[in-house]
Amino acid sequence: MASSSLGFAESRQRRTAQVLLFVTPALFTANMLLARATADFIPPVALAELRWTGVVLVLLPFCGRELWRARAALRRDWARYALLGLLGMGICGAGVYHGAATTTATNIGLIYAVSPVIIILLSRAMFGERLSRRQGLGAALALTGVLVIVLRGDPAALLSLSFSTGDLMILGAAISWALYTVLLKRWPDPLGVQARLTAIALAGAILLVPLLGWELASRGAPHFDLRTIATVLTLVLVPGVGAYATYSYITEHLGPSRTGLLLYLSPVYTASHRSIPPCWRGCSSARRLPSTTGSARRSSCRASSSPPTSRRRPESPALGGPTPARAAALGRAAAALRPQGPLRPARADASRPP
C-alpha cells in the first residue's frame, strides 16, 4: 500500500515536471529580453547582484528554518555551493547582462539552444550518462526546428548572421549553465528546492561583491528610479525565483539531459516576443530618442514603433530586426509625434542612422 502511494506521488511529480518543461523557458526568456532592454541604464554586475540578493530576501522567510537546521551540511559542502553560485549566478548572471550590451535577445536565445548538446556531452564525459538513440534523434530534430523557426525557413540567412564579443560571452555563459545543470543533479543535497536555491543564490551574491566594487568604482552606481525598481523586481520574481526553482524541480525529477532540452524553446519564445505588447521595447526606444521634453518621451513610449537610436548594434535582419529603410521610415513617423518648437526638425532626426 505504501509502495503504491509512493509510486503514485513520483508519477505525479514527473507529470508536473513535464508540464513545467514548457513553462520554464518562457520564464528564462524574460531574463534574455530584460538583459537586452536594460543594457544601457543598469550596469551588468549591479543588475546581477540586485537580482540574486533579491531572490535570497524573497525566499529566506520560507526556508530560513530549513537552512538553519542544515547548517552543518552547509559548512561541510560550502565549496559546492560556491561553485554552483559562481557558475549559475555569477557567470550566467553578470556574464549574460554584460554580453547583452553588444548582441540581441534573439542571439542570446539561439546561443543558449546549444546548451542541451553541451549538457549531454558533459553528462556522458563526467558521469557516463547514456542517452538513447531516440532521445538523441529528438534533440537533433529539436535543434533543427529551432533553426528553421529563427531563420524563417531560409538557410541562406545563416550567411548574414553577425556575431560580436557579446555573443562569445553568451556562449561562455551557456557552457557555464550546462556545467551548473550537470552538477546540480549529480551532487546530492539534503535541502529542498527552495532552500538549495537560496543557498546557491547567496553564494553567488557573495562572490559577485568584489566585481561589484570594481564596477561601482569605474562606472558608478545605477540610478534608482521606477524603471530600475520594476526591472529588478521582475528579474527577482520571474527568471530568478520562478525559473530557477522550476528548473531545479525538473532537473531533480527528469535528469539534466532531459531538462536541458527545454532550452530549445528559449530562442523560439525570444524570436516571437515581437507579437507581445512591446512595453519594454517601446519605453526603451523612448528614452533613446533625442527628445528634450518629458511629454515627447511619453508620446514616443505610447507609440511603440519609435526606432532606437542608441549606439548598440541593431538586430540582424536575418533574425527579424529592422532594416535601414524600415528604421528610417519609423524615424520619420516618430518625429511627427514629437511636439514642435525647441526640438530639431523632423528631417534632421530622420536622417540619423538607425
Protein backbone atom coordinates (compact mmCIF):
# COMPACT_ATOMS: atom_id res chain seq x y z
CA MET A 1 0.00 0.00 0.00
CA ALA A 2 2.81 2.37 0.95
CA SER A 3 4.79 1.47 -2.17
CA SER A 4 1.78 2.16 -4.42
CA SER A 5 1.25 5.56 -2.77
CA LEU A 6 4.93 6.38 -3.26
CA GLY A 7 4.75 5.32 -6.91
CA PHE A 8 1.69 7.49 -7.48
CA ALA A 9 3.44 10.51 -5.90
CA GLU A 10 6.53 10.01 -8.07
CA SER A 11 4.36 9.68 -11.18
CA ARG A 12 2.54 12.89 -10.33
CA GLN A 13 5.83 14.72 -9.77
CA ARG A 14 7.14 13.56 -13.14
CA ARG A 15 3.98 14.75 -14.88
CA THR A 16 4.31 18.11 -13.16
CA ALA A 17 7.94 18.32 -14.29
CA GLN A 18 6.91 17.52 -17.88
CA VAL A 19 4.37 20.36 -17.85
CA LEU A 20 6.96 22.75 -16.44
CA LEU A 21 9.22 21.90 -19.40
CA PHE A 22 7.05 24.25 -21.48
CA VAL A 23 6.63 26.94 -18.80
CA THR A 24 10.22 27.37 -17.63
CA PRO A 25 11.66 28.55 -20.99
CA ALA A 26 9.16 31.42 -21.01
CA LEU A 27 10.43 32.49 -17.57
CA PHE A 28 14.04 32.39 -18.78
CA THR A 29 13.08 34.37 -21.88
CA ALA A 30 12.10 37.30 -19.64
CA ASN A 31 15.71 37.40 -18.44
CA MET A 32 17.05 37.48 -22.01
CA LEU A 33 14.69 40.27 -23.06
CA LEU A 34 15.36 42.38 -19.97
CA ALA A 35 19.10 41.81 -20.29
CA ARG A 36 18.94 43.46 -23.71
CA ALA A 37 16.46 46.18 -22.74
CA THR A 38 18.38 47.32 -19.64
CA ALA A 39 21.90 47.15 -21.03
CA ASP A 40 22.27 50.93 -21.25
CA PHE A 41 20.96 52.04 -17.83
CA ILE A 42 21.86 49.31 -15.29
CA PRO A 43 25.47 48.04 -15.11
CA PRO A 44 25.65 44.24 -15.54
CA VAL A 45 27.26 43.25 -12.22
CA ALA A 46 24.98 45.56 -10.25
CA LEU A 47 21.95 44.06 -12.00
CA ALA A 48 23.08 40.51 -11.21
CA GLU A 49 23.86 41.44 -7.59
CA LEU A 50 20.45 43.08 -7.12
CA ARG A 51 18.71 40.12 -8.72
CA TRP A 52 20.26 37.41 -6.56
CA THR A 53 20.22 39.41 -3.36
CA GLY A 54 16.52 39.95 -4.00
CA VAL A 55 16.00 36.22 -4.57
CA VAL A 56 17.63 35.46 -1.21
CA LEU A 57 15.47 38.05 0.57
CA VAL A 58 12.29 36.69 -1.03
CA LEU A 59 12.97 33.01 -0.27
CA LEU A 60 14.66 33.30 3.12
CA PRO A 61 11.40 33.71 5.13
CA PHE A 62 10.11 30.45 3.62
CA CYS A 63 13.21 28.29 4.06
CA GLY A 64 15.26 30.01 6.77
CA ARG A 65 14.46 27.35 9.37
CA GLU A 66 15.43 24.55 6.99
CA LEU A 67 18.74 26.27 6.26
CA TRP A 68 19.41 26.69 9.98
CA ARG A 69 18.73 23.01 10.67
CA ALA A 70 21.08 22.05 7.82
CA ARG A 71 23.87 24.46 8.85
CA ALA A 72 26.28 21.56 9.46
CA ALA A 73 25.77 20.32 5.89
CA LEU A 74 26.17 23.86 4.57
CA ARG A 75 29.52 24.23 6.34
CA ARG A 76 30.66 20.84 5.09
CA ASP A 77 29.67 21.42 1.44
CA TRP A 78 30.32 25.17 1.19
CA ALA A 79 32.72 24.68 -1.74
CA ARG A 80 29.97 23.00 -3.78
CA TYR A 81 27.54 25.84 -3.14
CA ALA A 82 30.23 28.37 -4.01
CA LEU A 83 30.99 26.65 -7.32
CA LEU A 84 27.30 26.37 -8.21
CA GLY A 85 26.82 30.04 -7.29
CA LEU A 86 29.76 31.04 -9.48
CA LEU A 87 28.50 29.03 -12.45
CA GLY A 88 24.76 29.65 -12.21
CA MET A 89 24.54 33.12 -10.70
CA GLY A 90 27.91 34.75 -11.43
CA ILE A 91 28.88 33.76 -14.96
CA CYS A 92 25.29 33.12 -16.06
CA GLY A 93 24.15 36.34 -14.39
CA ALA A 94 26.63 39.15 -14.88
CA GLY A 95 28.06 37.47 -17.99
CA VAL A 96 24.73 37.47 -19.81
CA TYR A 97 23.97 41.06 -18.79
CA HIS A 98 27.41 42.22 -19.92
CA GLY A 99 27.18 40.42 -23.26
CA ALA A 100 23.65 41.71 -23.89
CA ALA A 101 25.05 45.22 -24.49
CA THR A 102 26.53 44.12 -27.83
CA THR A 103 24.17 41.40 -29.01
CA THR A 104 20.46 40.79 -29.47
CA ALA A 105 17.91 38.94 -27.35
CA THR A 106 17.32 36.53 -30.24
CA ASN A 107 21.04 35.74 -30.47
CA ILE A 108 21.10 35.07 -26.72
CA GLY A 109 18.27 32.55 -27.06
CA LEU A 110 19.83 30.96 -30.14
CA ILE A 111 23.23 30.52 -28.46
CA TYR A 112 21.61 29.10 -25.33
CA ALA A 113 19.94 26.50 -27.54
CA VAL A 114 23.36 24.85 -27.77
CA SER A 115 23.29 24.17 -24.00
CA PRO A 116 21.35 20.86 -24.25
CA VAL A 117 24.04 19.41 -26.50
CA ILE A 118 26.76 20.57 -24.09
CA ILE A 119 24.79 19.09 -21.16
CA ILE A 120 24.54 15.73 -22.93
CA LEU A 121 28.29 15.71 -23.69
CA LEU A 122 29.26 16.73 -20.14
CA SER A 123 26.92 14.17 -18.57
CA ARG A 124 28.45 11.44 -20.68
CA ALA A 125 32.07 12.56 -20.18
CA MET A 126 31.86 13.25 -16.43
CA PHE A 127 29.37 10.66 -15.21
CA GLY A 128 28.92 8.17 -18.06
CA GLU A 129 25.24 9.00 -18.53
CA ARG A 130 23.87 7.40 -21.68
CA LEU A 131 21.30 8.97 -23.98
CA SER A 132 19.16 6.63 -26.03
CA ARG A 133 19.12 6.80 -29.81
CA ARG A 134 15.56 8.06 -29.75
CA GLN A 135 16.43 10.84 -27.31
CA GLY A 136 19.45 11.84 -29.40
CA LEU A 137 17.31 11.96 -32.53
CA GLY A 138 14.75 14.06 -30.69
CA ALA A 139 17.45 16.51 -29.60
CA ALA A 140 18.73 16.83 -33.17
CA LEU A 141 15.22 17.39 -34.53
CA ALA A 142 14.51 19.97 -31.84
CA LEU A 143 17.68 21.93 -32.68
CA THR A 144 16.79 21.75 -36.39
CA GLY A 145 13.30 23.04 -35.65
CA VAL A 146 14.72 25.96 -33.67
CA LEU A 147 16.96 26.94 -36.59
CA VAL A 148 14.08 26.70 -39.04
CA ILE A 149 11.85 28.94 -36.93
CA VAL A 150 14.50 31.54 -36.11
CA LEU A 151 15.84 31.67 -39.68
CA ARG A 152 12.28 31.63 -41.08
CA GLY A 153 12.99 28.65 -43.29
CA ASP A 154 15.78 30.40 -45.22
CA PRO A 155 19.13 28.59 -44.79
CA ALA A 156 20.86 31.45 -46.63
CA ALA A 157 20.11 33.66 -43.64
CA LEU A 158 22.94 31.88 -41.82
CA LEU A 159 25.38 33.69 -44.11
CA SER A 160 24.13 37.10 -42.97
CA LEU A 161 24.33 36.36 -39.23
CA SER A 162 26.87 38.52 -37.42
CA PHE A 163 28.46 37.73 -34.07
CA SER A 164 30.17 40.06 -31.60
CA THR A 165 32.20 39.82 -28.43
CA GLY A 166 28.89 39.80 -26.58
CA ASP A 167 27.94 36.60 -28.41
CA LEU A 168 31.19 34.98 -27.23
CA MET A 169 30.37 35.98 -23.66
CA ILE A 170 26.90 34.45 -24.03
CA LEU A 171 28.50 31.25 -25.34
CA GLY A 172 30.71 31.13 -22.24
CA ALA A 173 27.64 31.63 -20.08
CA ALA A 174 25.86 28.80 -21.91
CA ILE A 175 28.77 26.44 -21.21
CA SER A 176 28.73 27.54 -17.57
CA TRP A 177 24.99 26.88 -17.40
CA ALA A 178 25.45 23.38 -18.83
CA LEU A 179 28.04 22.56 -16.16
CA TYR A 180 25.76 24.03 -13.47
CA THR A 181 22.91 21.79 -14.64
CA VAL A 182 25.00 18.62 -14.60
CA LEU A 183 26.47 19.28 -11.14
CA LEU A 184 23.08 20.30 -9.74
CA LYS A 185 21.76 16.82 -10.44
CA ARG A 186 24.87 14.80 -9.63
CA TRP A 187 25.69 16.39 -6.28
CA PRO A 188 23.28 15.02 -3.65
CA ASP A 189 21.81 17.60 -1.32
CA PRO A 190 19.71 17.32 1.85
CA LEU A 191 17.94 20.62 1.17
CA GLY A 192 14.65 21.15 -0.61
CA VAL A 193 14.36 23.06 -3.88
CA GLN A 194 13.77 26.48 -2.31
CA ALA A 195 16.41 26.11 0.40
CA ARG A 196 19.02 24.89 -2.06
CA LEU A 197 18.29 27.74 -4.46
CA THR A 198 18.60 30.21 -1.58
CA ALA A 199 21.97 28.81 -0.53
CA ILE A 200 23.33 28.85 -4.09
CA ALA A 201 21.98 32.36 -4.74
CA LEU A 202 23.56 33.63 -1.52
CA ALA A 203 26.90 32.11 -2.53
CA GLY A 204 26.64 33.72 -5.97
CA ALA A 205 25.76 37.12 -4.50
CA ILE A 206 28.75 36.97 -2.15
CA LEU A 207 31.12 36.03 -4.97
CA LEU A 208 29.88 38.98 -7.04
CA VAL A 209 30.77 41.55 -4.35
CA PRO A 210 34.42 42.11 -5.49
CA LEU A 211 33.32 42.62 -9.10
CA LEU A 212 30.56 44.93 -7.90
CA GLY A 213 33.10 47.08 -6.05
CA TRP A 214 35.22 47.38 -9.18
CA GLU A 215 32.19 48.26 -11.30
CA LEU A 216 30.95 50.90 -8.87
CA ALA A 217 34.42 52.50 -8.83
CA SER A 218 34.71 52.54 -12.61
CA ARG A 219 31.13 53.12 -13.78
CA GLY A 220 29.27 54.45 -10.78
CA ALA A 221 26.07 53.24 -9.13
CA PRO A 222 22.83 52.77 -11.12
CA HIS A 223 20.15 55.42 -10.84
CA PHE A 224 17.24 54.02 -8.85
CA ASP A 225 14.03 55.24 -10.44
CA LEU A 226 10.70 53.50 -11.03
CA ARG A 227 12.00 51.84 -14.19
CA THR A 228 15.04 50.38 -12.41
CA ILE A 229 12.99 49.12 -9.47
CA ALA A 230 10.41 47.50 -11.77
CA THR A 231 13.19 45.79 -13.74
CA VAL A 232 14.86 44.38 -10.64
CA LEU A 233 11.58 43.14 -9.16
CA THR A 234 10.72 41.40 -12.43
CA LEU A 235 14.13 39.74 -12.59
CA VAL A 236 13.87 38.61 -8.97
CA LEU A 237 10.40 37.08 -9.24
CA VAL A 238 10.20 35.74 -12.81
CA PRO A 239 13.60 34.47 -14.06
CA GLY A 240 15.08 34.47 -10.54
CA VAL A 241 12.74 32.68 -8.16
CA GLY A 242 10.37 31.27 -10.79
CA ALA A 243 12.70 29.97 -13.50
CA TYR A 244 15.47 28.63 -11.25
CA ALA A 245 13.06 26.92 -8.86
CA THR A 246 11.14 25.18 -11.66
CA TYR A 247 14.41 24.29 -13.43
CA SER A 248 15.75 22.69 -10.24
CA TYR A 249 12.48 20.79 -9.81
CA ILE A 250 12.61 19.46 -13.37
CA THR A 251 16.28 18.50 -13.04
CA GLU A 252 15.53 16.59 -9.85
CA HIS A 253 12.73 14.52 -11.41
CA LEU A 254 13.76 14.18 -15.08
CA GLY A 255 17.55 14.41 -15.01
CA PRO A 256 19.92 17.01 -16.52
CA SER A 257 19.96 15.73 -20.11
CA ARG A 258 16.18 15.76 -20.47
CA THR A 259 15.85 19.04 -18.57
CA GLY A 260 18.37 20.71 -20.85
CA LEU A 261 16.12 20.06 -23.81
CA LEU A 262 13.75 22.80 -22.63
CA LEU A 263 16.37 25.37 -23.65
CA TYR A 264 15.47 24.61 -27.28
CA LEU A 265 12.27 26.56 -26.68
CA SER A 266 14.04 29.71 -25.46
CA PRO A 267 15.01 31.08 -28.91
CA VAL A 268 11.52 30.29 -30.19
CA TYR A 269 9.94 32.28 -27.36
CA THR A 270 12.52 35.03 -27.74
CA ALA A 271 12.10 35.32 -31.51
CA SER A 272 8.31 35.55 -31.10
CA HIS A 273 8.46 38.30 -28.45
CA ARG A 274 7.55 40.90 -31.08
CA SER A 275 3.99 39.62 -31.07
CA ILE A 276 3.68 40.52 -27.36
CA PRO A 277 2.63 44.11 -26.48
CA PRO A 278 6.04 45.80 -26.66
CA CYS A 279 6.00 47.80 -23.43
CA TRP A 280 9.68 47.34 -22.68
CA ARG A 281 10.78 47.91 -26.27
CA GLY A 282 8.63 50.99 -26.63
CA CYS A 283 9.76 52.57 -23.38
CA SER A 284 13.41 51.78 -24.04
CA SER A 285 13.08 53.27 -27.51
CA ALA A 286 11.53 56.38 -26.00
CA ARG A 287 14.44 57.01 -23.68
CA ARG A 288 16.88 56.81 -26.58
CA LEU A 289 15.04 59.25 -28.84
CA PRO A 290 16.65 62.71 -28.93
CA SER A 291 13.68 64.40 -27.28
CA THR A 292 14.16 67.17 -24.71
CA THR A 293 10.76 67.19 -23.01
CA GLY A 294 9.02 64.65 -20.80
CA SER A 295 5.88 64.81 -22.95
CA ALA A 296 7.86 63.79 -26.00
CA ARG A 297 9.15 60.72 -24.17
CA ARG A 298 5.68 59.74 -23.05
CA SER A 299 4.33 60.16 -26.58
CA SER A 300 7.08 58.05 -28.09
CA CYS A 301 6.66 55.42 -25.36
CA ARG A 302 2.97 55.11 -26.23
CA ALA A 303 3.87 54.90 -29.89
CA SER A 304 5.92 51.74 -29.54
CA SER A 305 7.08 51.90 -33.14
CA SER A 306 9.73 54.50 -32.24
CA PRO A 307 13.12 53.34 -33.58
CA PRO A 308 16.08 53.07 -31.19
CA THR A 309 18.99 55.37 -31.89
CA SER A 310 21.42 54.01 -29.33
CA ARG A 311 24.97 53.12 -30.17
CA ARG A 312 24.33 49.42 -29.75
CA ARG A 313 24.43 47.22 -32.79
CA PRO A 314 20.91 46.74 -34.27
CA GLU A 315 19.41 43.32 -34.59
CA SER A 316 20.34 41.32 -37.62
CA PRO A 317 17.74 41.44 -40.45
CA ALA A 318 18.07 37.67 -40.72
CA LEU A 319 16.68 37.39 -37.22
CA GLY A 320 13.75 39.71 -37.75
CA GLY A 321 15.43 43.04 -36.90
CA PRO A 322 14.64 46.35 -38.61
CA THR A 323 16.18 47.11 -41.98
CA PRO A 324 17.73 50.56 -42.61
CA ALA A 325 14.83 51.60 -44.84
CA ARG A 326 12.23 50.49 -42.31
CA ALA A 327 14.12 52.19 -39.47
CA ALA A 328 14.27 55.45 -41.44
CA ALA A 329 10.53 55.31 -42.08
CA LEU A 330 9.84 54.66 -38.43
CA GLY A 331 12.13 57.56 -37.55
CA ARG A 332 10.08 59.95 -39.65
CA ALA A 333 6.89 58.65 -38.01
CA ALA A 334 8.32 59.13 -34.53
CA ALA A 335 9.50 62.63 -35.37
CA ALA A 336 5.97 63.56 -36.38
CA LEU A 337 4.73 62.57 -32.90
CA ARG A 338 7.11 64.91 -31.08
CA PRO A 339 5.99 68.45 -30.27
CA GLN A 340 7.29 71.31 -32.39
CA GLY A 341 9.25 74.24 -31.06
CA PRO A 342 12.61 73.82 -29.41
CA LEU A 343 13.06 70.33 -30.87
CA ARG A 344 15.06 69.80 -34.01
CA PRO A 345 13.27 69.42 -37.33
CA ALA A 346 11.93 66.01 -38.20
CA ARG A 347 14.19 65.84 -41.26
CA ALA A 348 17.29 66.06 -39.09
CA ASP A 349 16.06 63.16 -36.91
CA ALA A 350 15.03 61.07 -39.87
CA SER A 351 18.45 61.46 -41.44
CA ARG A 352 20.19 59.89 -38.48
CA PRO A 353 21.31 56.31 -38.99
CA PRO A 354 19.09 53.71 -37.31
